[in-house]
Amino acid sequence: VQLQASGGGLVQPGDSLRLSCAASGSTLGYRVIGWFRQAPGKEREGVSCFRRRDGGLYYRDSVKGRFAISEDNANNTVYLEMNNLKPEDTAVYYCALARGSLNPGTFCTMRFTGSASVSWGHGTQLTVSS
């Protein structure tokens, strides 16, 4: 499967934005979905992840109450709804799918091995600045 994230841009603090991640090819067999981000000079970090089987969710503390992950199965698209954006949300955002049977928290905190069979998408840049 190939993943392409889109929807990033330049926004002001307090604004809202929705990122999309379109999958080309079947996503059957992928059990966990996630959004990650990487700011300049920092390591990639998980933002929000969800397990398809039971809807189990993980959000990193700094985005709880502001971000929401969702999936549109009919269109093979995953979304990240972001509200009340802050300058510290500035980063390149990536989506990823994992075949492995992972807890959402395990996926989002990147405590997985190669057996998780993770597919990464190309990122989309989000800049939050006044």
C-alpha atoms as a PDB file:
ATOM      1  CA  VAL A   1       0.000   0.000   0.000  1.00  0.00           C
ATOM      2  CA  GLN A   2       1.159   3.557  -0.708  1.00  0.00           C
ATOM      3  CA  LEU A   3       0.170   6.405   1.565  1.00  0.00           C
ATOM      4  CA  GLN A   4       0.050  10.103   0.764  1.00  0.00           C
ATOM      5  CA  ALA A   5      -0.596  12.701   3.423  1.00  0.00           C
ATOM      6  CA  SER A   6      -2.004  16.079   2.472  1.00  0.00           C
ATOM      7  CA  GLY A   7      -3.695  19.103   3.942  1.00  0.00           C
ATOM      8  CA  GLY A   8      -0.792  20.783   5.655  1.00  0.00           C
ATOM      9  CA  GLY A   9      -0.031  24.450   5.324  1.00  0.00           C
ATOM     10  CA  LEU A  10       0.647  27.667   7.157  1.00  0.00           C
ATOM     11  CA  VAL A  11      -1.914  28.541   9.818  1.00  0.00           C
ATOM     12  CA  GLN A  12      -2.152  30.862  12.780  1.00  0.00           C
ATOM     13  CA  PRO A  13      -2.268  29.812  16.425  1.00  0.00           C
ATOM     14  CA  GLY A  14      -5.792  28.830  17.366  1.00  0.00           C
ATOM     15  CA  ASP A  15      -6.729  27.765  13.851  1.00  0.00           C
ATOM     16  CA  SER A  16      -8.091  24.369  12.844  1.00  0.00           C
ATOM     17  CA  LEU A  17      -6.981  22.105  10.037  1.00  0.00           C
ATOM     18  CA  ARG A  18      -7.673  18.593   8.819  1.00  0.00           C
ATOM     19  CA  LEU A  19      -4.954  16.364   7.437  1.00  0.00           C
ATOM     20  CA  SER A  20      -5.796  13.511   5.100  1.00  0.00           C
ATOM     21  CA  CYS A  21      -3.922  10.337   4.334  1.00  0.00           C
ATOM     22  CA  ALA A  22      -5.041   8.549   1.212  1.00  0.00           C
ATOM     23  CA  ALA A  23      -4.089   4.932   0.710  1.00  0.00           C
ATOM     24  CA  SER A  24      -3.684   3.538  -2.758  1.00  0.00           C
ATOM     25  CA  GLY A  25      -4.265  -0.162  -2.648  1.00  0.00           C
ATOM     26  CA  SER A  26      -6.080  -2.279  -0.159  1.00  0.00           C
ATOM     27  CA  THR A  27      -5.641  -1.591   3.516  1.00  0.00           C
ATOM     28  CA  LEU A  28      -7.085  -4.940   4.503  1.00  0.00           C
ATOM     29  CA  GLY A  29      -4.752  -6.642   6.901  1.00  0.00           C
ATOM     30  CA  TYR A  30      -3.468  -3.434   8.410  1.00  0.00           C
ATOM     31  CA  ARG A  31      -4.530  -3.419  12.006  1.00  0.00           C
ATOM     32  CA  VAL A  32      -3.323  -0.131  13.425  1.00  0.00           C
ATOM     33  CA  ILE A  33      -3.324   3.342  11.934  1.00  0.00           C
ATOM     34  CA  GLY A  34      -1.386   6.311  13.151  1.00  0.00           C
ATOM     35  CA  TRP A  35      -0.317   9.875  12.633  1.00  0.00           C
ATOM     36  CA  PHE A  36       3.213  10.870  13.522  1.00  0.00           C
ATOM     37  CA  ARG A  37       5.158  14.092  13.262  1.00  0.00           C
ATOM     38  CA  GLN A  38       8.724  15.259  13.135  1.00  0.00           C
ATOM     39  CA  ALA A  39       9.809  18.774  13.951  1.00  0.00           C
ATOM     40  CA  PRO A  40      13.174  20.140  12.796  1.00  0.00           C
ATOM     41  CA  GLY A  41      15.978  18.753  14.890  1.00  0.00           C
ATOM     42  CA  LYS A  42      13.703  16.405  16.769  1.00  0.00           C
ATOM     43  CA  GLU A  43      12.861  12.744  16.562  1.00  0.00           C
ATOM     44  CA  ARG A  44       9.675  11.490  15.012  1.00  0.00           C
ATOM     45  CA  GLU A  45       6.897  11.135  17.559  1.00  0.00           C
ATOM     46  CA  GLY A  46       3.480   9.578  17.546  1.00  0.00           C
ATOM     47  CA  VAL A  47       0.529  11.942  17.668  1.00  0.00           C
ATOM     48  CA  SER A  48      -2.498   9.686  17.531  1.00  0.00           C
ATOM     49  CA  CYS A  49      -3.033   6.024  16.781  1.00  0.00           C
ATOM     50  CA  PHE A  50      -6.017   3.771  16.551  1.00  0.00           C
ATOM     51  CA  ARG A  51      -6.610   0.063  16.413  1.00  0.00           C
ATOM     52  CA  ARG A  52      -9.221  -0.883  13.863  1.00  0.00           C
ATOM     53  CA  ARG A  53     -10.445  -4.021  15.568  1.00  0.00           C
ATOM     54  CA  ASP A  54     -11.897  -2.326  18.614  1.00  0.00           C
ATOM     55  CA  GLY A  55     -11.363   1.379  18.077  1.00  0.00           C
ATOM     56  CA  GLY A  56      -8.674   1.565  20.741  1.00  0.00           C
ATOM     57  CA  LEU A  57      -7.154   5.022  20.737  1.00  0.00           C
ATOM     58  CA  TYR A  58      -3.983   6.752  21.805  1.00  0.00           C
ATOM     59  CA  TYR A  59      -3.242  10.452  21.827  1.00  0.00           C
ATOM     60  CA  ARG A  60      -0.063  12.028  23.031  1.00  0.00           C
ATOM     61  CA  ASP A  61      -0.716  14.272  26.001  1.00  0.00           C
ATOM     62  CA  SER A  62       0.031  17.516  24.219  1.00  0.00           C
ATOM     63  CA  VAL A  63      -2.758  16.976  21.663  1.00  0.00           C
ATOM     64  CA  LYS A  64      -5.466  15.446  23.854  1.00  0.00           C
ATOM     65  CA  GLY A  65      -8.701  17.347  23.520  1.00  0.00           C
ATOM     66  CA  ARG A  66      -7.460  19.139  20.399  1.00  0.00           C
ATOM     67  CA  PHE A  67      -6.789  16.429  17.814  1.00  0.00           C
ATOM     68  CA  ALA A  68      -8.992  13.597  16.594  1.00  0.00           C
ATOM     69  CA  ILE A  69      -8.115  10.651  14.354  1.00  0.00           C
ATOM     70  CA  SER A  70     -10.699   9.011  12.142  1.00  0.00           C
ATOM     71  CA  GLU A  71     -10.971   6.678   9.197  1.00  0.00           C
ATOM     72  CA  ASP A  72     -13.181   6.600   6.123  1.00  0.00           C
ATOM     73  CA  ASN A  73     -13.070   2.977   5.020  1.00  0.00           C
ATOM     74  CA  ALA A  74     -15.080   3.588   1.885  1.00  0.00           C
ATOM     75  CA  ASN A  75     -12.462   6.012   0.600  1.00  0.00           C
ATOM     76  CA  ASN A  76      -9.385   4.374   2.124  1.00  0.00           C
ATOM     77  CA  THR A  77      -8.571   7.622   3.854  1.00  0.00           C
ATOM     78  CA  VAL A  78      -7.444   8.463   7.370  1.00  0.00           C
ATOM     79  CA  TYR A  79      -7.917  11.911   8.833  1.00  0.00           C
ATOM     80  CA  LEU A  80      -6.403  13.956  11.606  1.00  0.00           C
ATOM     81  CA  GLU A  81      -8.661  16.771  12.720  1.00  0.00           C
ATOM     82  CA  MET A  82      -6.617  19.404  14.533  1.00  0.00           C
ATOM     83  CA  ASN A  83      -8.090  22.256  16.539  1.00  0.00           C
ATOM     84  CA  ASN A  84      -6.610  25.090  18.559  1.00  0.00           C
ATOM     85  CA  LEU A  85      -3.287  24.665  16.822  1.00  0.00           C
ATOM     86  CA  LYS A  86      -0.170  25.856  18.607  1.00  0.00           C
ATOM     87  CA  PRO A  87       3.292  26.800  17.340  1.00  0.00           C
ATOM     88  CA  GLU A  88       4.670  23.643  18.939  1.00  0.00           C
ATOM     89  CA  ASP A  89       2.491  21.600  16.577  1.00  0.00           C
ATOM     90  CA  THR A  90       4.712  22.735  13.711  1.00  0.00           C
ATOM     91  CA  ALA A  91       6.202  19.657  12.071  1.00  0.00           C
ATOM     92  CA  VAL A  92       6.048  17.373   9.080  1.00  0.00           C
ATOM     93  CA  TYR A  93       3.126  15.020   9.653  1.00  0.00           C
ATOM     94  CA  TYR A  94       3.181  11.415   8.457  1.00  0.00           C
ATOM     95  CA  CYS A  95       0.594   8.689   8.441  1.00  0.00           C
ATOM     96  CA  ALA A  96       1.425   5.045   8.886  1.00  0.00           C
ATOM     97  CA  LEU A  97      -0.273   1.676   8.904  1.00  0.00           C
ATOM     98  CA  ALA A  98       0.882  -1.413  10.732  1.00  0.00           C
ATOM     99  CA  ARG A  99       0.019  -5.033  10.025  1.00  0.00           C
ATOM    100  CA  GLY A 100       1.195  -6.163  13.406  1.00  0.00           C
ATOM    101  CA  SER A 101      -1.216  -6.662  16.250  1.00  0.00           C
ATOM    102  CA  LEU A 102      -0.108  -3.667  18.278  1.00  0.00           C
ATOM    103  CA  ASN A 103      -1.662  -1.628  20.987  1.00  0.00           C
ATOM    104  CA  PRO A 104      -2.243   1.904  19.755  1.00  0.00           C
ATOM    105  CA  GLY A 105       0.060   3.197  22.440  1.00  0.00           C
ATOM    106  CA  THR A 106       2.809   0.803  21.435  1.00  0.00           C
ATOM    107  CA  PHE A 107       2.517   1.942  17.828  1.00  0.00           C
ATOM    108  CA  CYS A 108       2.410   5.620  18.679  1.00  0.00           C
ATOM    109  CA  THR A 109       5.369   5.445  21.055  1.00  0.00           C
ATOM    110  CA  MET A 110       7.233   3.558  18.346  1.00  0.00           C
ATOM    111  CA  ARG A 111       8.021   0.579  20.540  1.00  0.00           C
ATOM    112  CA  PHE A 112       7.655  -1.866  17.689  1.00  0.00           C
ATOM    113  CA  THR A 113       9.984  -4.094  15.733  1.00  0.00           C
ATOM    114  CA  GLY A 114      10.206  -4.958  12.059  1.00  0.00           C
ATOM    115  CA  SER A 115       7.633  -7.675  12.574  1.00  0.00           C
ATOM    116  CA  ALA A 116       4.993  -4.938  12.863  1.00  0.00           C
ATOM    117  CA  SER A 117       5.314  -4.456   9.104  1.00  0.00           C
ATOM    118  CA  VAL A 118       4.756  -0.714   9.043  1.00  0.00           C
ATOM    119  CA  SER A 119       4.048   1.276   5.900  1.00  0.00           C
ATOM    120  CA  TRP A 120       4.876   4.975   6.034  1.00  0.00           C
ATOM    121  CA  GLY A 121       3.480   7.704   3.881  1.00  0.00           C
ATOM    122  CA  HIS A 122       5.107  10.837   2.582  1.00  0.00           C
ATOM    123  CA  GLY A 123       4.663  13.727   4.955  1.00  0.00           C
ATOM    124  CA  THR A 124       2.846  17.016   4.806  1.00  0.00           C
ATOM    125  CA  GLN A 125       4.240  20.168   6.383  1.00  0.00           C
ATOM    126  CA  LEU A 126       2.257  22.034   8.998  1.00  0.00           C
ATOM    127  CA  THR A 127       3.493  25.397  10.188  1.00  0.00           C
ATOM    128  CA  VAL A 128       1.703  27.212  12.978  1.00  0.00           C
ATOM    129  CA  SER A 129       2.865  30.790  13.226  1.00  0.00           C
ATOM    130  CA  SER A 130       1.496  34.264  13.692  1.00  0.00           C
END
